[in-house]
Protein backbone atom coordinates (compact mmCIF):
# COMPACT_ATOMS: atom_id res chain seq x y z
CA MET A 1 15.54 8.07 5.42
CA SER A 2 12.30 8.58 3.50
CA LYS A 3 9.10 10.04 4.87
CA ILE A 4 5.55 9.28 3.77
CA TYR A 5 2.70 11.73 3.27
CA LEU A 6 -0.97 11.89 2.47
CA LEU A 7 -1.18 13.72 -0.85
CA MET A 8 -4.43 15.63 -1.34
CA THR A 9 -5.42 17.42 -4.52
CA ILE A 10 -8.41 19.66 -5.24
CA THR A 11 -8.90 20.19 -8.97
CA LYS A 12 -11.61 20.79 -11.53
CA ARG A 13 -13.59 17.64 -12.17
CA MET A 14 -12.76 17.74 -15.88
CA THR A 15 -9.08 17.04 -15.08
CA GLU A 16 -9.84 13.60 -13.58
CA ARG A 17 -8.34 11.54 -16.40
CA GLN A 18 -5.18 13.63 -16.61
CA LEU A 19 -4.66 13.53 -12.85
CA LEU A 20 -5.21 9.79 -12.55
CA ALA A 21 -2.86 9.24 -15.49
CA CYS A 22 -0.24 11.27 -13.62
CA TYR A 23 -0.73 9.09 -10.55
CA GLU A 24 -0.51 5.88 -12.56
CA LYS A 25 2.70 7.05 -14.25
CA ASN A 26 4.26 7.54 -10.81
CA ALA A 27 3.02 4.20 -9.36
CA LEU A 28 0.33 5.82 -7.19
CA SER A 29 -2.30 3.19 -7.82
CA ALA A 30 -4.33 3.33 -4.58
CA VAL A 31 -6.30 6.55 -4.95
CA LEU A 32 -9.55 7.72 -3.32
CA CYS A 33 -11.75 10.25 -5.11
CA THR A 34 -14.72 12.26 -3.86
CA LEU A 35 -16.72 15.10 -5.39
CA ALA A 36 -17.02 18.65 -4.13
CA LYS A 37 -17.83 22.15 -5.33
CA GLY A 38 -16.15 25.54 -5.15
CA THR A 39 -17.26 28.23 -2.69
CA ALA A 40 -16.92 31.39 -4.78
CA THR A 41 -20.02 33.60 -4.45
CA SER A 42 -22.37 34.06 -7.40
CA GLU A 43 -21.43 37.75 -7.53
CA ILE A 44 -17.75 36.93 -8.01
CA LEU A 45 -18.56 34.30 -10.63
CA ASP A 46 -20.78 36.77 -12.53
CA CYS A 47 -18.05 39.42 -12.52
CA LEU A 48 -15.53 36.93 -13.90
CA GLY A 49 -17.94 35.42 -16.40
CA LEU A 50 -17.56 31.99 -14.83
CA GLU A 51 -19.91 29.18 -13.83
CA MET A 52 -19.99 27.27 -10.57
CA THR A 53 -17.00 24.91 -10.68
CA GLU A 54 -17.40 21.26 -9.79
CA LYS A 55 -14.37 19.91 -7.97
CA MET A 56 -12.70 16.57 -7.46
CA VAL A 57 -10.78 15.77 -4.28
CA THR A 58 -8.23 12.95 -4.42
CA MET A 59 -6.18 11.32 -1.68
CA THR A 60 -3.24 8.94 -1.95
CA VAL A 61 -0.01 8.15 -0.11
CA VAL A 62 3.41 9.20 -1.43
CA SER A 63 7.02 9.05 -0.35
CA ASP A 64 8.99 12.29 -0.50
CA GLU A 65 11.00 10.98 -3.46
CA THR A 66 7.83 10.19 -5.44
CA TRP A 67 6.31 13.56 -4.61
CA GLU A 68 9.02 15.45 -6.47
CA ASN A 69 8.15 13.60 -9.70
CA VAL A 70 4.39 13.90 -9.18
CA LYS A 71 4.67 17.63 -8.52
CA ARG A 72 6.68 18.15 -11.69
CA ASP A 73 4.14 16.16 -13.76
CA MET A 74 1.23 18.11 -12.27
CA GLU A 75 2.90 21.39 -13.19
CA ASP A 76 3.77 20.22 -16.72
CA ASN A 77 0.54 18.45 -17.65
CA LEU A 78 -2.16 19.99 -15.46
CA GLN A 79 -0.62 23.46 -14.96
CA ILE A 80 -1.54 23.09 -11.30
CA ASP A 81 0.84 25.94 -10.45
CA VAL A 82 -1.40 28.34 -12.42
CA PRO A 83 -3.84 30.19 -10.09
CA GLY A 84 -7.38 28.83 -10.29
CA THR A 85 -6.34 25.46 -11.73
CA GLY A 86 -6.14 23.50 -8.50
CA ILE A 87 -4.05 22.77 -5.46
CA ALA A 88 -2.01 19.84 -4.15
CA PHE A 89 -0.60 19.56 -0.65
CA LEU A 90 1.07 17.05 1.67
CA VAL A 91 0.26 16.01 5.24
CA PRO A 92 2.76 13.82 7.11
CA VAL A 93 1.57 10.31 7.97
CA SER A 94 2.48 9.28 11.50
CA SER A 95 1.50 5.60 11.40
CA VAL A 96 0.00 2.93 9.15
CA GLY A 97 -2.12 0.01 10.36
CA GLY A 98 -0.06 -3.03 9.46
CA ARG A 99 2.91 -4.04 7.30
CA LYS A 100 0.78 -5.39 4.44
CA LEU A 101 -1.10 -2.10 4.15
CA PHE A 102 2.21 -0.23 4.19
CA GLN A 103 3.51 -2.38 1.32
CA PHE A 104 0.26 -1.94 -0.62
CA LEU A 105 0.25 1.86 -0.34
CA LEU A 106 3.90 2.28 -1.33
CA ASP A 107 4.29 -0.49 -3.90
CA GLY A 108 6.40 0.76 -6.80
CA GLN A 109 7.60 3.87 -4.99
CA THR A 110 11.16 4.58 -3.93
CA TYR A 111 11.23 4.35 -0.16
CA GLU A 112 13.93 3.79 2.46
CA ARG A 113 12.23 2.34 5.52
CA GLU A 114 12.53 4.18 8.83
CA GLU A 115 10.96 3.82 12.23
CA GLU A 116 7.40 5.02 12.76
CA ASN A 117 7.22 8.74 12.05
CA VAL A 118 5.68 10.20 15.18
CA MET A 119 5.60 13.92 15.96
CA LYS A 120 6.28 13.76 19.69
CA ASP A 121 4.80 17.18 20.49
CA THR A 122 1.32 16.46 19.11
CA LYS A 123 -1.43 15.90 21.65
CA TYR A 124 -3.97 14.58 19.15
CA GLU A 125 -3.99 12.45 16.00
CA LEU A 126 -6.44 12.22 13.11
CA ILE A 127 -7.24 8.56 12.51
CA ILE A 128 -8.45 7.89 8.96
CA VAL A 129 -10.30 4.65 8.24
CA ILE A 130 -11.20 3.55 4.71
CA ALA A 131 -13.96 0.94 4.78
CA ASN A 132 -16.41 -0.68 2.41
CA GLN A 133 -19.61 1.29 2.03
CA GLY A 134 -22.20 0.62 4.74
CA TYR A 135 -19.83 -0.44 7.54
CA SER A 136 -19.02 2.86 9.25
CA GLU A 137 -20.96 1.83 12.38
CA MET A 138 -18.88 -1.35 12.68
CA VAL A 139 -15.77 0.81 12.53
CA MET A 140 -17.10 3.30 15.10
CA ASP A 141 -18.19 0.53 17.50
CA ALA A 142 -14.61 -0.79 17.43
CA ALA A 143 -13.18 2.71 17.92
CA ARG A 144 -15.56 3.60 20.77
CA SER A 145 -14.62 0.42 22.62
CA GLN A 146 -11.19 2.01 23.14
CA GLY A 147 -12.45 5.45 24.14
CA ALA A 148 -12.90 7.22 20.80
CA GLY A 149 -15.55 9.92 20.58
CA GLY A 150 -17.52 10.65 17.43
CA GLY A 151 -16.44 10.29 13.84
CA THR A 152 -17.22 11.91 10.49
CA VAL A 153 -18.08 9.83 7.43
CA ILE A 154 -17.38 10.84 3.81
CA HIS A 155 -18.37 8.85 0.74
CA ALA A 156 -15.59 8.20 -1.78
CA LYS A 157 -14.70 5.97 -4.71
CA GLY A 158 -11.48 3.99 -4.90
CA THR A 159 -9.45 3.59 -8.08
CA GLY A 160 -6.54 1.29 -8.88
CA LEU A 161 -7.42 -1.13 -6.10
CA GLU A 162 -6.75 -4.24 -8.19
CA LYS A 163 -3.42 -4.79 -6.42
CA ALA A 164 -5.14 -5.11 -3.05
CA GLU A 165 -5.62 -8.86 -3.46
CA LYS A 166 -1.88 -9.33 -4.09
CA PHE A 167 -0.83 -7.52 -0.91
CA LEU A 168 -3.82 -7.81 1.41
CA GLY A 169 -5.29 -11.12 0.32
CA VAL A 170 -8.74 -9.59 -0.24
CA SER A 171 -10.72 -8.05 -3.06
CA ILE A 172 -11.73 -4.49 -2.18
CA ALA A 173 -14.91 -2.86 -3.50
CA ASP A 174 -14.69 0.50 -5.23
CA GLU A 175 -17.40 2.23 -3.16
CA LYS A 176 -15.88 3.47 0.09
CA GLU A 177 -16.62 5.32 3.29
CA MET A 178 -13.86 7.36 4.89
CA ILE A 179 -14.21 7.79 8.64
CA PHE A 180 -12.31 10.60 10.36
CA ILE A 181 -11.70 10.28 14.11
CA VAL A 182 -9.73 12.75 16.23
CA ALA A 183 -8.25 11.08 19.32
CA LYS A 184 -5.60 11.71 21.93
CA SER A 185 -2.17 10.54 20.82
CA GLU A 186 -1.83 8.10 23.71
CA MET A 187 -5.14 6.44 22.70
CA LYS A 188 -4.31 6.18 18.99
CA ASN A 189 -2.61 2.77 18.94
CA ALA A 190 -5.38 1.07 20.95
CA ILE A 191 -8.10 2.56 18.72
CA MET A 192 -6.31 1.59 15.52
CA ARG A 193 -5.68 -1.92 16.82
CA SER A 194 -9.34 -2.35 17.79
CA ILE A 195 -10.45 -1.25 14.31
CA MET A 196 -7.97 -3.63 12.67
CA ASP A 197 -9.08 -6.53 14.90
CA ASN A 198 -12.86 -5.96 14.76
CA ALA A 199 -13.50 -4.17 11.46
CA GLY A 200 -10.31 -4.88 9.54
CA LEU A 201 -9.46 -6.91 6.47
CA GLY A 202 -10.87 -10.08 8.01
CA SER A 203 -14.32 -8.51 8.37
CA LYS A 204 -16.96 -7.42 5.85
CA ALA A 205 -15.83 -3.81 6.38
CA LYS A 206 -12.36 -4.59 4.93
CA SER A 207 -11.04 -1.49 6.69
CA VAL A 208 -7.58 -0.02 6.34
CA VAL A 209 -6.41 2.59 8.81
CA PHE A 210 -3.65 5.16 9.20
CA SER A 211 -3.13 8.35 11.20
CA LEU A 212 -2.00 11.93 10.71
CA PRO A 213 -0.56 14.28 13.35
CA VAL A 214 -2.76 17.13 14.58
CA THR A 215 -0.84 20.18 15.79
CA ASP A 216 -3.71 21.99 17.52
CA THR A 217 -7.44 21.67 18.19
CA ALA A 218 -10.51 23.61 19.28
CA GLY A 219 -13.83 22.21 20.46
CA LEU A 220 -12.49 19.19 22.33
CA ARG A 221 -12.83 20.62 25.83
CA LEU A 222 -14.60 17.56 27.26
CA GLN A 223 -11.73 15.35 26.17
CA GLU A 224 -9.23 17.86 27.56
CA ILE A 225 -10.63 17.62 31.12
CA GLN A 226 -10.95 13.85 31.22
């Protein structure tokens, strides 16, 4: 059986075209991009004769079969295995909010369907919501109605979203907000369902939602004692 993962890359911003071409070659069309910067100190940069590096962070969903091809292309064309070039890593996806979204994210990839991939020993899950810009409060209102605490919002830009209308029946804007919510595992399904019902594809937010397993936490003491 196949497994699915969130693929995250952190690379120099100048590699954007090469990286997106690699994704397109491997049928990874639904990609989110956001900008960042490196954290090396000015003293280290001066010693190495370097300038502050602008970074690009990308996120997409891959099957394990697709990942092997993507990894090989990244090494061949972006030299991502060379220190200082960038990094790519996988995080297992534990659930996806709806069959249509699942089909949209994995269209064109080799995948043998299995039951929901849930890590039974995880106490918390990271719920990730991707919504149209300006609708994070609609998403959080839906999440809070089922007991969610706070969330964190990141601005991002979507690429290759033209296929969304084919699978989801909606046209999705490029400008996005990603909302990260950490919740107890037993609350996850209710929170995701509330977001899908109240801020999902039938709303102006056009939200899609999936979750990742969290193996440990700190700073959630109030939730622990509830």
